[in-house]
Amino acid sequence: ETQWLVSSHNFEKTPVIAEISAVFRAMEEAGGDVLKLAVMPQSIDDVRHLIEATLTYNEKSPKPMIAIAMGSLGVITRIAPDLCGGSLTFVAGAGKTAPGQLSLEEIIDLRKRMALI
């Protein structure tokens, strides 16, 4: 069965919590089977806002979610999506395509070090 991943990227900032929730809702209403949101945090508070919005939305929706705060500030959202409200992560394949993106090997190593796997 084919599934549709609906993705939204904001390479400039992290929207406020209400806007993040609205983006997830719009992606779900558009028929997305997997919801992917990537934002650019300017502060630790931005990362917290993404996590809070994702955790809250994930309680309402059965859809798998990918919620990434790009760059070094948000690397935890890539390593531990299960702790940050997401269902999945997104890793670099042949080459990195976004700030802070990690390879599968790096994610596995870091998850093992954090006793997540």
PDB file of N, CA and C in Angstrom:
ATOM      1  N   GLU A   1       0.838  -1.185   0.000  1.00  0.00           N
ATOM      2  CA  GLU A   1       0.000   0.000   0.000  1.00  0.00           C
ATOM      3  C   GLU A   1       0.882   1.247   0.000  1.00  0.00           C
ATOM      4  N   THR A   2       0.565   2.152  -0.858  1.00  0.00           N
ATOM      5  CA  THR A   2       1.298   3.408  -0.945  1.00  0.00           C
ATOM      6  C   THR A   2       0.781   4.377   0.100  1.00  0.00           C
ATOM      7  N   GLN A   3       1.704   5.070   0.747  1.00  0.00           N
ATOM      8  CA  GLN A   3       1.321   6.094   1.708  1.00  0.00           C
ATOM      9  C   GLN A   3       1.867   7.435   1.250  1.00  0.00           C
ATOM     10  N   TRP A   4       1.181   8.482   1.632  1.00  0.00           N
ATOM     11  CA  TRP A   4       1.545   9.828   1.239  1.00  0.00           C
ATOM     12  C   TRP A   4       2.151  10.560   2.424  1.00  0.00           C
ATOM     13  N   LEU A   5       3.417  10.962   2.283  1.00  0.00           N
ATOM     14  CA  LEU A   5       4.091  11.759   3.287  1.00  0.00           C
ATOM     15  C   LEU A   5       3.913  13.224   2.900  1.00  0.00           C
ATOM     16  N   VAL A   6       3.268  13.989   3.760  1.00  0.00           N
ATOM     17  CA  VAL A   6       3.084  15.418   3.524  1.00  0.00           C
ATOM     18  C   VAL A   6       4.114  16.153   4.365  1.00  0.00           C
ATOM     19  N   SER A   7       4.846  17.050   3.727  1.00  0.00           N
ATOM     20  CA  SER A   7       5.986  17.674   4.374  1.00  0.00           C
ATOM     21  C   SER A   7       5.906  19.191   4.297  1.00  0.00           C
ATOM     22  N   SER A   8       6.316  19.841   5.381  1.00  0.00           N
ATOM     23  CA  SER A   8       6.406  21.296   5.425  1.00  0.00           C
ATOM     24  C   SER A   8       7.749  21.662   6.037  1.00  0.00           C
ATOM     25  N   HIS A   9       8.466  22.567   5.379  1.00  0.00           N
ATOM     26  CA  HIS A   9       9.772  23.003   5.869  1.00  0.00           C
ATOM     27  C   HIS A   9       9.780  24.517   6.035  1.00  0.00           C
ATOM     28  N   ASN A  10      10.298  24.970   7.160  1.00  0.00           N
ATOM     29  CA  ASN A  10      10.509  26.400   7.365  1.00  0.00           C
ATOM     30  C   ASN A  10      11.987  26.564   7.681  1.00  0.00           C
ATOM     31  N   PHE A  11      12.762  27.025   6.706  1.00  0.00           N
ATOM     32  CA  PHE A  11      14.208  27.142   6.860  1.00  0.00           C
ATOM     33  C   PHE A  11      14.616  28.445   7.545  1.00  0.00           C
ATOM     34  N   GLU A  12      13.637  29.272   7.941  1.00  0.00           N
ATOM     35  CA  GLU A  12      13.950  30.563   8.544  1.00  0.00           C
ATOM     36  C   GLU A  12      13.702  30.608  10.045  1.00  0.00           C
ATOM     37  N   LYS A  13      12.628  29.963  10.514  1.00  0.00           N
ATOM     38  CA  LYS A  13      12.267  30.103  11.917  1.00  0.00           C
ATOM     39  C   LYS A  13      11.435  28.916  12.386  1.00  0.00           C
ATOM     40  N   THR A  14      11.073  28.963  13.656  1.00  0.00           N
ATOM     41  CA  THR A  14      10.135  28.021  14.245  1.00  0.00           C
ATOM     42  C   THR A  14       8.853  28.791  14.548  1.00  0.00           C
ATOM     43  N   PRO A  15       7.750  28.413  13.930  1.00  0.00           N
ATOM     44  CA  PRO A  15       6.492  29.103  14.225  1.00  0.00           C
ATOM     45  C   PRO A  15       6.087  28.906  15.684  1.00  0.00           C
ATOM     46  N   VAL A  16       5.165  29.732  16.153  1.00  0.00           N
ATOM     47  CA  VAL A  16       4.646  29.576  17.514  1.00  0.00           C
ATOM     48  C   VAL A  16       3.831  28.284  17.576  1.00  0.00           C
ATOM     49  N   ILE A  17       3.563  27.823  18.797  1.00  0.00           N
ATOM     50  CA  ILE A  17       2.916  26.527  19.010  1.00  0.00           C
ATOM     51  C   ILE A  17       1.598  26.404  18.242  1.00  0.00           C
ATOM     52  N   ALA A  18       0.764  27.431  18.300  1.00  0.00           N
ATOM     53  CA  ALA A  18      -0.532  27.373  17.607  1.00  0.00           C
ATOM     54  C   ALA A  18      -0.348  27.199  16.100  1.00  0.00           C
ATOM     55  N   GLU A  19       0.657  27.845  15.527  1.00  0.00           N
ATOM     56  CA  GLU A  19       0.921  27.711  14.087  1.00  0.00           C
ATOM     57  C   GLU A  19       1.444  26.316  13.754  1.00  0.00           C
ATOM     58  N   ILE A  20       2.273  25.761  14.624  1.00  0.00           N
ATOM     59  CA  ILE A  20       2.781  24.405  14.398  1.00  0.00           C
ATOM     60  C   ILE A  20       1.613  23.428  14.373  1.00  0.00           C
ATOM     61  N   SER A  21       0.711  23.552  15.329  1.00  0.00           N
ATOM     62  CA  SER A  21      -0.469  22.687  15.370  1.00  0.00           C
ATOM     63  C   SER A  21      -1.317  22.858  14.118  1.00  0.00           C
ATOM     64  N   ALA A  22      -1.459  24.087  13.656  1.00  0.00           N
ATOM     65  CA  ALA A  22      -2.246  24.356  12.447  1.00  0.00           C
ATOM     66  C   ALA A  22      -1.605  23.706  11.219  1.00  0.00           C
ATOM     67  N   VAL A  23      -0.289  23.700  11.162  1.00  0.00           N
ATOM     68  CA  VAL A  23       0.406  23.057  10.033  1.00  0.00           C
ATOM     69  C   VAL A  23       0.158  21.554  10.060  1.00  0.00           C
ATOM     70  N   PHE A  24       0.295  20.933  11.229  1.00  0.00           N
ATOM     71  CA  PHE A  24       0.015  19.498  11.336  1.00  0.00           C
ATOM     72  C   PHE A  24      -1.433  19.196  10.920  1.00  0.00           C
ATOM     73  N   ARG A  25      -2.354  20.016  11.397  1.00  0.00           N
ATOM     74  CA  ARG A  25      -3.775  19.810  11.074  1.00  0.00           C
ATOM     75  C   ARG A  25      -4.012  19.935   9.568  1.00  0.00           C
ATOM     76  N   ALA A  26      -3.402  20.933   8.940  1.00  0.00           N
ATOM     77  CA  ALA A  26      -3.558  21.126   7.494  1.00  0.00           C
ATOM     78  C   ALA A  26      -2.985  19.946   6.716  1.00  0.00           C
ATOM     79  N   MET A  27      -1.849  19.425   7.161  1.00  0.00           N
ATOM     80  CA  MET A  27      -1.255  18.275   6.478  1.00  0.00           C
ATOM     81  C   MET A  27      -2.161  17.056   6.609  1.00  0.00           C
ATOM     82  N   GLU A  28      -2.737  16.870   7.791  1.00  0.00           N
ATOM     83  CA  GLU A  28      -3.642  15.741   8.006  1.00  0.00           C
ATOM     84  C   GLU A  28      -4.919  15.911   7.179  1.00  0.00           C
ATOM     85  N   GLU A  29      -5.476  17.111   7.168  1.00  0.00           N
ATOM     86  CA  GLU A  29      -6.689  17.377   6.397  1.00  0.00           C
ATOM     87  C   GLU A  29      -6.458  17.233   4.898  1.00  0.00           C
ATOM     88  N   ALA A  30      -5.209  17.438   4.458  1.00  0.00           N
ATOM     89  CA  ALA A  30      -4.869  17.269   3.046  1.00  0.00           C
ATOM     90  C   ALA A  30      -4.771  15.798   2.661  1.00  0.00           C
ATOM     91  N   GLY A  31      -4.876  14.908   3.652  1.00  0.00           N
ATOM     92  CA  GLY A  31      -4.855  13.480   3.371  1.00  0.00           C
ATOM     93  C   GLY A  31      -3.530  12.803   3.618  1.00  0.00           C
ATOM     94  N   GLY A  32      -2.616  13.482   4.288  1.00  0.00           N
ATOM     95  CA  GLY A  32      -1.313  12.886   4.558  1.00  0.00           C
ATOM     96  C   GLY A  32      -1.408  11.660   5.446  1.00  0.00           C
ATOM     97  N   ASP A  33      -0.675  10.620   5.072  1.00  0.00           N
ATOM     98  CA  ASP A  33      -0.591   9.414   5.898  1.00  0.00           C
ATOM     99  C   ASP A  33       0.516   9.553   6.937  1.00  0.00           C
ATOM    100  N   VAL A  34       1.560  10.298   6.584  1.00  0.00           N
ATOM    101  CA  VAL A  34       2.679  10.609   7.479  1.00  0.00           C
ATOM    102  C   VAL A  34       2.854  12.121   7.417  1.00  0.00           C
ATOM    103  N   LEU A  35       2.971  12.764   8.575  1.00  0.00           N
ATOM    104  CA  LEU A  35       3.104  14.213   8.652  1.00  0.00           C
ATOM    105  C   LEU A  35       4.540  14.561   9.013  1.00  0.00           C
ATOM    106  N   LYS A  36       5.196  15.376   8.167  1.00  0.00           N
ATOM    107  CA  LYS A  36       6.597  15.742   8.421  1.00  0.00           C
ATOM    108  C   LYS A  36       6.726  17.258   8.470  1.00  0.00           C
ATOM    109  N   LEU A  37       7.265  17.736   9.581  1.00  0.00           N
ATOM    110  CA  LEU A  37       7.496  19.168   9.749  1.00  0.00           C
ATOM    111  C   LEU A  37       8.941  19.390  10.145  1.00  0.00           C
ATOM    112  N   ALA A  38       9.615  20.271   9.445  1.00  0.00           N
ATOM    113  CA  ALA A  38      10.986  20.652   9.776  1.00  0.00           C
ATOM    114  C   ALA A  38      11.021  22.175   9.925  1.00  0.00           C
ATOM    115  N   VAL A  39      11.604  22.628  11.025  1.00  0.00           N
ATOM    116  CA  VAL A  39      11.681  24.061  11.306  1.00  0.00           C
ATOM    117  C   VAL A  39      13.110  24.433  11.681  1.00  0.00           C
ATOM    118  N   MET A  40      13.391  25.737  11.639  1.00  0.00           N
ATOM    119  CA  MET A  40      14.725  26.221  11.998  1.00  0.00           C
ATOM    120  C   MET A  40      14.658  26.960  13.335  1.00  0.00           C
ATOM    121  N   PRO A  41      15.134  26.325  14.404  1.00  0.00           N
ATOM    122  CA  PRO A  41      15.101  26.999  15.706  1.00  0.00           C
ATOM    123  C   PRO A  41      16.157  28.095  15.793  1.00  0.00           C
ATOM    124  N   GLN A  42      15.781  29.156  16.492  1.00  0.00           N
ATOM    125  CA  GLN A  42      16.719  30.242  16.775  1.00  0.00           C
ATOM    126  C   GLN A  42      17.159  30.199  18.235  1.00  0.00           C
ATOM    127  N   SER A  43      16.483  29.353  19.029  1.00  0.00           N
ATOM    128  CA  SER A  43      16.788  29.255  20.461  1.00  0.00           C
ATOM    129  C   SER A  43      16.330  27.891  20.977  1.00  0.00           C
ATOM    130  N   ILE A  44      16.760  27.572  22.180  1.00  0.00           N
ATOM    131  CA  ILE A  44      16.298  26.342  22.834  1.00  0.00           C
ATOM    132  C   ILE A  44      14.782  26.394  23.032  1.00  0.00           C
ATOM    133  N   ASP A  45      14.248  27.574  23.314  1.00  0.00           N
ATOM    134  CA  ASP A  45      12.797  27.702  23.476  1.00  0.00           C
ATOM    135  C   ASP A  45      12.060  27.289  22.203  1.00  0.00           C
ATOM    136  N   ASP A  46      12.618  27.591  21.043  1.00  0.00           N
ATOM    137  CA  ASP A  46      12.004  27.163  19.782  1.00  0.00           C
ATOM    138  C   ASP A  46      11.927  25.643  19.710  1.00  0.00           C
ATOM    139  N   VAL A  47      12.986  24.974  20.144  1.00  0.00           N
ATOM    140  CA  VAL A  47      12.999  23.505  20.147  1.00  0.00           C
ATOM    141  C   VAL A  47      11.928  22.999  21.106  1.00  0.00           C
ATOM    142  N   ARG A  48      11.850  23.603  22.277  1.00  0.00           N
ATOM    143  CA  ARG A  48      10.820  23.220  23.256  1.00  0.00           C
ATOM    144  C   ARG A  48       9.413  23.414  22.687  1.00  0.00           C
ATOM    145  N   HIS A  49       9.203  24.508  21.965  1.00  0.00           N
ATOM    146  CA  HIS A  49       7.883  24.770  21.382  1.00  0.00           C
ATOM    147  C   HIS A  49       7.516  23.707  20.352  1.00  0.00           C
ATOM    148  N   LEU A  50       8.479  23.321  19.526  1.00  0.00           N
ATOM    149  CA  LEU A  50       8.213  22.260  18.551  1.00  0.00           C
ATOM    150  C   LEU A  50       7.864  20.959  19.266  1.00  0.00           C
ATOM    151  N   ILE A  51       8.633  20.615  20.283  1.00  0.00           N
ATOM    152  CA  ILE A  51       8.383  19.381  21.031  1.00  0.00           C
ATOM    153  C   ILE A  51       7.007  19.428  21.695  1.00  0.00           C
ATOM    154  N   GLU A  52       6.686  20.546  22.343  1.00  0.00           N
ATOM    155  CA  GLU A  52       5.385  20.671  23.016  1.00  0.00           C
ATOM    156  C   GLU A  52       4.232  20.528  22.017  1.00  0.00           C
ATOM    157  N   ALA A  53       4.334  21.221  20.901  1.00  0.00           N
ATOM    158  CA  ALA A  53       3.268  21.155  19.895  1.00  0.00           C
ATOM    159  C   ALA A  53       3.147  19.751  19.317  1.00  0.00           C
ATOM    160  N   THR A  54       4.270  19.099  19.104  1.00  0.00           N
ATOM    161  CA  THR A  54       4.259  17.754  18.529  1.00  0.00           C
ATOM    162  C   THR A  54       3.679  16.744  19.512  1.00  0.00           C
ATOM    163  N   LEU A  55       4.106  16.815  20.764  1.00  0.00           N
ATOM    164  CA  LEU A  55       3.564  15.913  21.784  1.00  0.00           C
ATOM    165  C   LEU A  55       2.045  16.075  21.892  1.00  0.00           C
ATOM    166  N   THR A  56       1.591  17.298  21.907  1.00  0.00           N
ATOM    167  CA  THR A  56       0.156  17.582  22.032  1.00  0.00           C
ATOM    168  C   THR A  56      -0.608  17.085  20.812  1.00  0.00           C
ATOM    169  N   TYR A  57      -0.092  17.373  19.616  1.00  0.00           N
ATOM    170  CA  TYR A  57      -0.803  16.950  18.405  1.00  0.00           C
ATOM    171  C   TYR A  57      -0.797  15.431  18.268  1.00  0.00           C
ATOM    172  N   ASN A  58       0.296  14.816  18.661  1.00  0.00           N
ATOM    173  CA  ASN A  58       0.415  13.354  18.558  1.00  0.00           C
ATOM    174  C   ASN A  58      -0.625  12.654  19.423  1.00  0.00           C
ATOM    175  N   GLU A  59      -1.053  13.286  20.519  1.00  0.00           N
ATOM    176  CA  GLU A  59      -2.099  12.707  21.368  1.00  0.00           C
ATOM    177  C   GLU A  59      -3.453  12.697  20.662  1.00  0.00           C
ATOM    178  N   LYS A  60      -3.653  13.600  19.702  1.00  0.00           N
ATOM    179  CA  LYS A  60      -4.935  13.742  19.005  1.00  0.00           C
ATOM    180  C   LYS A  60      -4.991  12.962  17.697  1.00  0.00           C
ATOM    181  N   SER A  61      -3.844  12.655  17.137  1.00  0.00           N
ATOM    182  CA  SER A  61      -3.800  12.073  15.797  1.00  0.00           C
ATOM    183  C   SER A  61      -3.127  10.704  15.793  1.00  0.00           C
ATOM    184  N   PRO A  62      -3.699   9.751  15.067  1.00  0.00           N
ATOM    185  CA  PRO A  62      -3.063   8.441  14.947  1.00  0.00           C
ATOM    186  C   PRO A  62      -1.971   8.405  13.867  1.00  0.00           C
ATOM    187  N   LYS A  63      -1.793   9.522  13.162  1.00  0.00           N
ATOM    188  CA  LYS A  63      -0.844   9.553  12.045  1.00  0.00           C
ATOM    189  C   LYS A  63       0.603   9.547  12.544  1.00  0.00           C
ATOM    190  N   PRO A  64       1.474   8.793  11.883  1.00  0.00           N
ATOM    191  CA  PRO A  64       2.903   8.887  12.202  1.00  0.00           C
ATOM    192  C   PRO A  64       3.393  10.303  11.900  1.00  0.00           C
ATOM    193  N   MET A  65       4.268  10.799  12.756  1.00  0.00           N
ATOM    194  CA  MET A  65       4.756  12.171  12.623  1.00  0.00           C
ATOM    195  C   MET A  65       6.277  12.221  12.660  1.00  0.00           C
ATOM    196  N   ILE A  66       6.821  13.117  11.851  1.00  0.00           N
ATOM    197  CA  ILE A  66       8.237  13.454  11.892  1.00  0.00           C
ATOM    198  C   ILE A  66       8.285  14.945  12.200  1.00  0.00           C
ATOM    199  N   ALA A  67       8.913  15.315  13.307  1.00  0.00           N
ATOM    200  CA  ALA A  67       9.019  16.720  13.699  1.00  0.00           C
ATOM    201  C   ALA A  67      10.483  17.019  13.987  1.00  0.00           C
ATOM    202  N   ILE A  68      11.084  17.820  13.139  1.00  0.00           N
ATOM    203  CA  ILE A  68      12.518  18.060  13.225  1.00  0.00           C
ATOM    204  C   ILE A  68      12.811  19.536  13.409  1.00  0.00           C
ATOM    205  N   ALA A  69      13.617  19.832  14.405  1.00  0.00           N
ATOM    206  CA  ALA A  69      14.213  21.151  14.546  1.00  0.00           C
ATOM    207  C   ALA A  69      15.599  21.032  13.905  1.00  0.00           C
ATOM    208  N   MET A  70      15.821  21.764  12.836  1.00  0.00           N
ATOM    209  CA  MET A  70      17.072  21.646  12.088  1.00  0.00           C
ATOM    210  C   MET A  70      18.235  22.291  12.830  1.00  0.00           C
ATOM    211  N   GLY A  71      19.432  22.019  12.355  1.00  0.00           N
ATOM    212  CA  GLY A  71      20.642  22.592  12.924  1.00  0.00           C
ATOM    213  C   GLY A  71      21.054  21.912  14.216  1.00  0.00           C
ATOM    214  N   SER A  72      22.131  22.421  14.799  1.00  0.00           N
ATOM    215  CA  SER A  72      22.675  21.793  16.004  1.00  0.00           C
ATOM    216  C   SER A  72      21.748  21.946  17.204  1.00  0.00           C
ATOM    217  N   LEU A  73      20.977  23.016  17.267  1.00  0.00           N
ATOM    218  CA  LEU A  73      20.054  23.203  18.396  1.00  0.00           C
ATOM    219  C   LEU A  73      19.020  22.086  18.476  1.00  0.00           C
ATOM    220  N   GLY A  74      18.599  21.594  17.321  1.00  0.00           N
ATOM    221  CA  GLY A  74      17.503  20.634  17.304  1.00  0.00           C
ATOM    222  C   GLY A  74      17.895  19.192  17.116  1.00  0.00           C
ATOM    223  N   VAL A  75      19.164  18.876  17.235  1.00  0.00           N
ATOM    224  CA  VAL A  75      19.618  17.517  16.930  1.00  0.00           C
ATOM    225  C   VAL A  75      18.904  16.452  17.776  1.00  0.00           C
ATOM    226  N   ILE A  76      18.474  16.804  18.986  1.00  0.00           N
ATOM    227  CA  ILE A  76      17.773  15.828  19.824  1.00  0.00           C
ATOM    228  C   ILE A  76      16.486  15.354  19.152  1.00  0.00           C
ATOM    229  N   THR A  77      15.849  16.218  18.377  1.00  0.00           N
ATOM    230  CA  THR A  77      14.605  15.822  17.707  1.00  0.00           C
ATOM    231  C   THR A  77      14.859  14.800  16.616  1.00  0.00           C
ATOM    232  N   ARG A  78      16.088  14.757  16.129  1.00  0.00           N
ATOM    233  CA  ARG A  78      16.464  13.750  15.116  1.00  0.00           C
ATOM    234  C   ARG A  78      16.858  12.430  15.786  1.00  0.00           C
ATOM    235  N   ILE A  79      17.555  12.539  16.923  1.00  0.00           N
ATOM    236  CA  ILE A  79      18.064  11.350  17.610  1.00  0.00           C
ATOM    237  C   ILE A  79      16.955  10.622  18.368  1.00  0.00           C
ATOM    238  N   ALA A  80      16.106  11.381  19.023  1.00  0.00           N
ATOM    239  CA  ALA A  80      15.101  10.789  19.919  1.00  0.00           C
ATOM    240  C   ALA A  80      13.693  11.289  19.605  1.00  0.00           C
ATOM    241  N   PRO A  81      13.185  11.022  18.411  1.00  0.00           N
ATOM    242  CA  PRO A  81      11.841  11.504  18.084  1.00  0.00           C
ATOM    243  C   PRO A  81      10.786  10.953  19.033  1.00  0.00           C
ATOM    244  N   ASP A  82      11.005   9.751  19.520  1.00  0.00           N
ATOM    245  CA  ASP A  82      10.051   9.120  20.433  1.00  0.00           C
ATOM    246  C   ASP A  82       9.942   9.865  21.761  1.00  0.00           C
ATOM    247  N   LEU A  83      10.955  10.622  22.138  1.00  0.00           N
ATOM    248  CA  LEU A  83      10.901  11.431  23.351  1.00  0.00           C
ATOM    249  C   LEU A  83      10.372  12.838  23.071  1.00  0.00           C
ATOM    250  N   CYS A  84      10.313  13.193  21.796  1.00  0.00           N
ATOM    251  CA  CYS A  84       9.957  14.552  21.392  1.00  0.00           C
ATOM    252  C   CYS A  84       8.594  14.634  20.703  1.00  0.00           C
ATOM    253  N   GLY A  85       7.828  13.546  20.752  1.00  0.00           N
ATOM    254  CA  GLY A  85       6.495  13.562  20.176  1.00  0.00           C
ATOM    255  C   GLY A  85       6.391  12.981  18.784  1.00  0.00           C
ATOM    256  N   GLY A  86       7.520  12.758  18.147  1.00  0.00           N
ATOM    257  CA  GLY A  86       7.514  12.205  16.796  1.00  0.00           C
ATOM    258  C   GLY A  86       7.470  10.691  16.805  1.00  0.00           C
ATOM    259  N   SER A  87       7.119  10.143  15.663  1.00  0.00           N
ATOM    260  CA  SER A  87       7.045   8.694  15.504  1.00  0.00           C
ATOM    261  C   SER A  87       8.255   8.160  14.761  1.00  0.00           C
ATOM    262  N   LEU A  88       8.843   9.010  13.945  1.00  0.00           N
ATOM    263  CA  LEU A  88       9.928   8.620  13.049  1.00  0.00           C
ATOM    264  C   LEU A  88      10.971   9.724  13.012  1.00  0.00           C
ATOM    265  N   THR A  89      12.125   9.403  12.433  1.00  0.00           N
ATOM    266  CA  THR A  89      13.114  10.429  12.157  1.00  0.00           C
ATOM    267  C   THR A  89      13.451  10.374  10.675  1.00  0.00           C
ATOM    268  N   PHE A  90      14.304  11.257  10.255  1.00  0.00           N
ATOM    269  CA  PHE A  90      14.701  11.342   8.855  1.00  0.00           C
ATOM    270  C   PHE A  90      16.208  11.454   8.839  1.00  0.00           C
ATOM    271  N   VAL A  91      16.882  10.558   8.134  1.00  0.00           N
ATOM    272  CA  VAL A  91      18.348  10.548   8.132  1.00  0.00           C
ATOM    273  C   VAL A  91      18.885  10.802   6.736  1.00  0.00           C
ATOM    274  N   ALA A  92      20.159  11.143   6.689  1.00  0.00           N
ATOM    275  CA  ALA A  92      20.836  11.355   5.415  1.00  0.00           C
ATOM    276  C   ALA A  92      21.099  10.021   4.747  1.00  0.00           C
ATOM    277  N   GLY A  93      20.875   9.967   3.470  1.00  0.00           N
ATOM    278  CA  GLY A  93      21.191   8.773   2.687  1.00  0.00           C
ATOM    279  C   GLY A  93      22.578   8.923   2.104  1.00  0.00           C
ATOM    280  N   ALA A  94      22.650   9.248   0.822  1.00  0.00           N
ATOM    281  CA  ALA A  94      23.924   9.401   0.136  1.00  0.00           C
ATOM    282  C   ALA A  94      24.632  10.692   0.527  1.00  0.00           C
ATOM    283  N   GLY A  95      23.887  11.672   0.975  1.00  0.00           N
ATOM    284  CA  GLY A  95      24.477  12.947   1.372  1.00  0.00           C
ATOM    285  C   GLY A  95      23.495  13.746   2.189  1.00  0.00           C
ATOM    286  N   LYS A  96      24.017  14.588   3.044  1.00  0.00           N
ATOM    287  CA  LYS A  96      23.163  15.386   3.913  1.00  0.00           C
ATOM    288  C   LYS A  96      22.474  16.477   3.101  1.00  0.00           C
ATOM    289  N   THR A  97      21.177  16.652   3.370  1.00  0.00           N
ATOM    290  CA  THR A  97      20.383  17.604   2.599  1.00  0.00           C
ATOM    291  C   THR A  97      19.794  18.726   3.452  1.00  0.00           C
ATOM    292  N   ALA A  98      20.048  18.714   4.754  1.00  0.00           N
ATOM    293  CA  ALA A  98      19.506  19.741   5.636  1.00  0.00           C
ATOM    294  C   ALA A  98      20.456  19.977   6.805  1.00  0.00           C
ATOM    295  N   PRO A  99      20.430  21.192   7.369  1.00  0.00           N
ATOM    296  CA  PRO A  99      21.305  21.494   8.508  1.00  0.00           C
ATOM    297  C   PRO A  99      21.038  20.569   9.693  1.00  0.00           C
ATOM    298  N   GLY A 100      22.098  19.968  10.219  1.00  0.00           N
ATOM    299  CA  GLY A 100      21.988  19.106  11.387  1.00  0.00           C
ATOM    300  C   GLY A 100      21.613  17.668  11.079  1.00  0.00           C
ATOM    301  N   GLN A 101      21.430  17.358   9.805  1.00  0.00           N
ATOM    302  CA  GLN A 101      21.034  15.990   9.443  1.00  0.00           C
ATOM    303  C   GLN A 101      22.162  15.017   9.771  1.00  0.00           C
ATOM    304  N   LEU A 102      21.783  13.850  10.270  1.00  0.00           N
ATOM    305  CA  LEU A 102      22.735  12.813  10.648  1.00  0.00           C
ATOM    306  C   LEU A 102      22.550  11.593   9.762  1.00  0.00           C
ATOM    307  N   SER A 103      23.584  10.765   9.679  1.00  0.00           N
ATOM    308  CA  SER A 103      23.485   9.517   8.931  1.00  0.00           C
ATOM    309  C   SER A 103      22.785   8.466   9.787  1.00  0.00           C
ATOM    310  N   LEU A 104      22.340   7.404   9.165  1.00  0.00           N
ATOM    311  CA  LEU A 104      21.708   6.307   9.889  1.00  0.00           C
ATOM    312  C   LEU A 104      22.662   5.750  10.941  1.00  0.00           C
ATOM    313  N   GLU A 105      23.917   5.593  10.579  1.00  0.00           N
ATOM    314  CA  GLU A 105      24.908   5.055  11.506  1.00  0.00           C
ATOM    315  C   GLU A 105      25.064   5.957  12.729  1.00  0.00           C
ATOM    316  N   GLU A 106      25.080   7.276  12.509  1.00  0.00           N
ATOM    317  CA  GLU A 106      25.197   8.214  13.626  1.00  0.00           C
ATOM    318  C   GLU A 106      23.976   8.132  14.541  1.00  0.00           C
ATOM    319  N   ILE A 107      22.795   8.061  13.943  1.00  0.00           N
ATOM    320  CA  ILE A 107      21.564   7.961  14.740  1.00  0.00           C
ATOM    321  C   ILE A 107      21.585   6.687  15.578  1.00  0.00           C
ATOM    322  N   ILE A 108      21.923   5.569  14.961  1.00  0.00           N
ATOM    323  CA  ILE A 108      21.956   4.297  15.697  1.00  0.00           C
ATOM    324  C   ILE A 108      22.961   4.367  16.839  1.00  0.00           C
ATOM    325  N   ASP A 109      24.170   4.887  16.562  1.00  0.00           N
ATOM    326  CA  ASP A 109      25.191   4.985  17.603  1.00  0.00           C
ATOM    327  C   ASP A 109      24.723   5.869  18.761  1.00  0.00           C
ATOM    328  N   LEU A 110      24.153   7.016  18.447  1.00  0.00           N
ATOM    329  CA  LEU A 110      23.701   7.932  19.494  1.00  0.00           C
ATOM    330  C   LEU A 110      22.525   7.356  20.277  1.00  0.00           C
ATOM    331  N   ARG A 111      21.610   6.680  19.608  1.00  0.00           N
ATOM    332  CA  ARG A 111      20.472   6.058  20.296  1.00  0.00           C
ATOM    333  C   ARG A 111      20.947   4.948  21.237  1.00  0.00           C
ATOM    334  N   LYS A 112      21.964   4.210  20.821  1.00  0.00           N
ATOM    335  CA  LYS A 112      22.535   3.171  21.695  1.00  0.00           C
ATOM    336  C   LYS A 112      23.189   3.815  22.920  1.00  0.00           C
ATOM    337  N   ARG A 113      23.919   4.887  22.716  1.00  0.00           N
ATOM    338  CA  ARG A 113      24.585   5.588  23.817  1.00  0.00           C
ATOM    339  C   ARG A 113      23.572   6.160  24.804  1.00  0.00           C
ATOM    340  N   MET A 114      22.405   6.532  24.305  1.00  0.00           N
ATOM    341  CA  MET A 114      21.354   7.092  25.162  1.00  0.00           C
ATOM    342  C   MET A 114      20.439   6.006  25.721  1.00  0.00           C
ATOM    343  N   ALA A 115      20.762   4.737  25.451  1.00  0.00           N
ATOM    344  CA  ALA A 115      19.978   3.593  25.908  1.00  0.00           C
ATOM    345  C   ALA A 115      18.531   3.635  25.397  1.00  0.00           C
ATOM    346  N   LEU A 116      18.372   4.142  24.175  1.00  0.00           N
ATOM    347  CA  LEU A 116      17.062   4.166  23.537  1.00  0.00           C
ATOM    348  C   LEU A 116      16.824   2.930  22.686  1.00  0.00           C
ATOM    349  N   ILE A 117      17.905   2.240  22.352  1.00  0.00           N
ATOM    350  CA  ILE A 117      17.794   0.948  21.631  1.00  0.00           C
ATOM    351  C   ILE A 117      18.806  -0.020  22.217  1.00  0.00           C
TER     352      ILE A 117
END
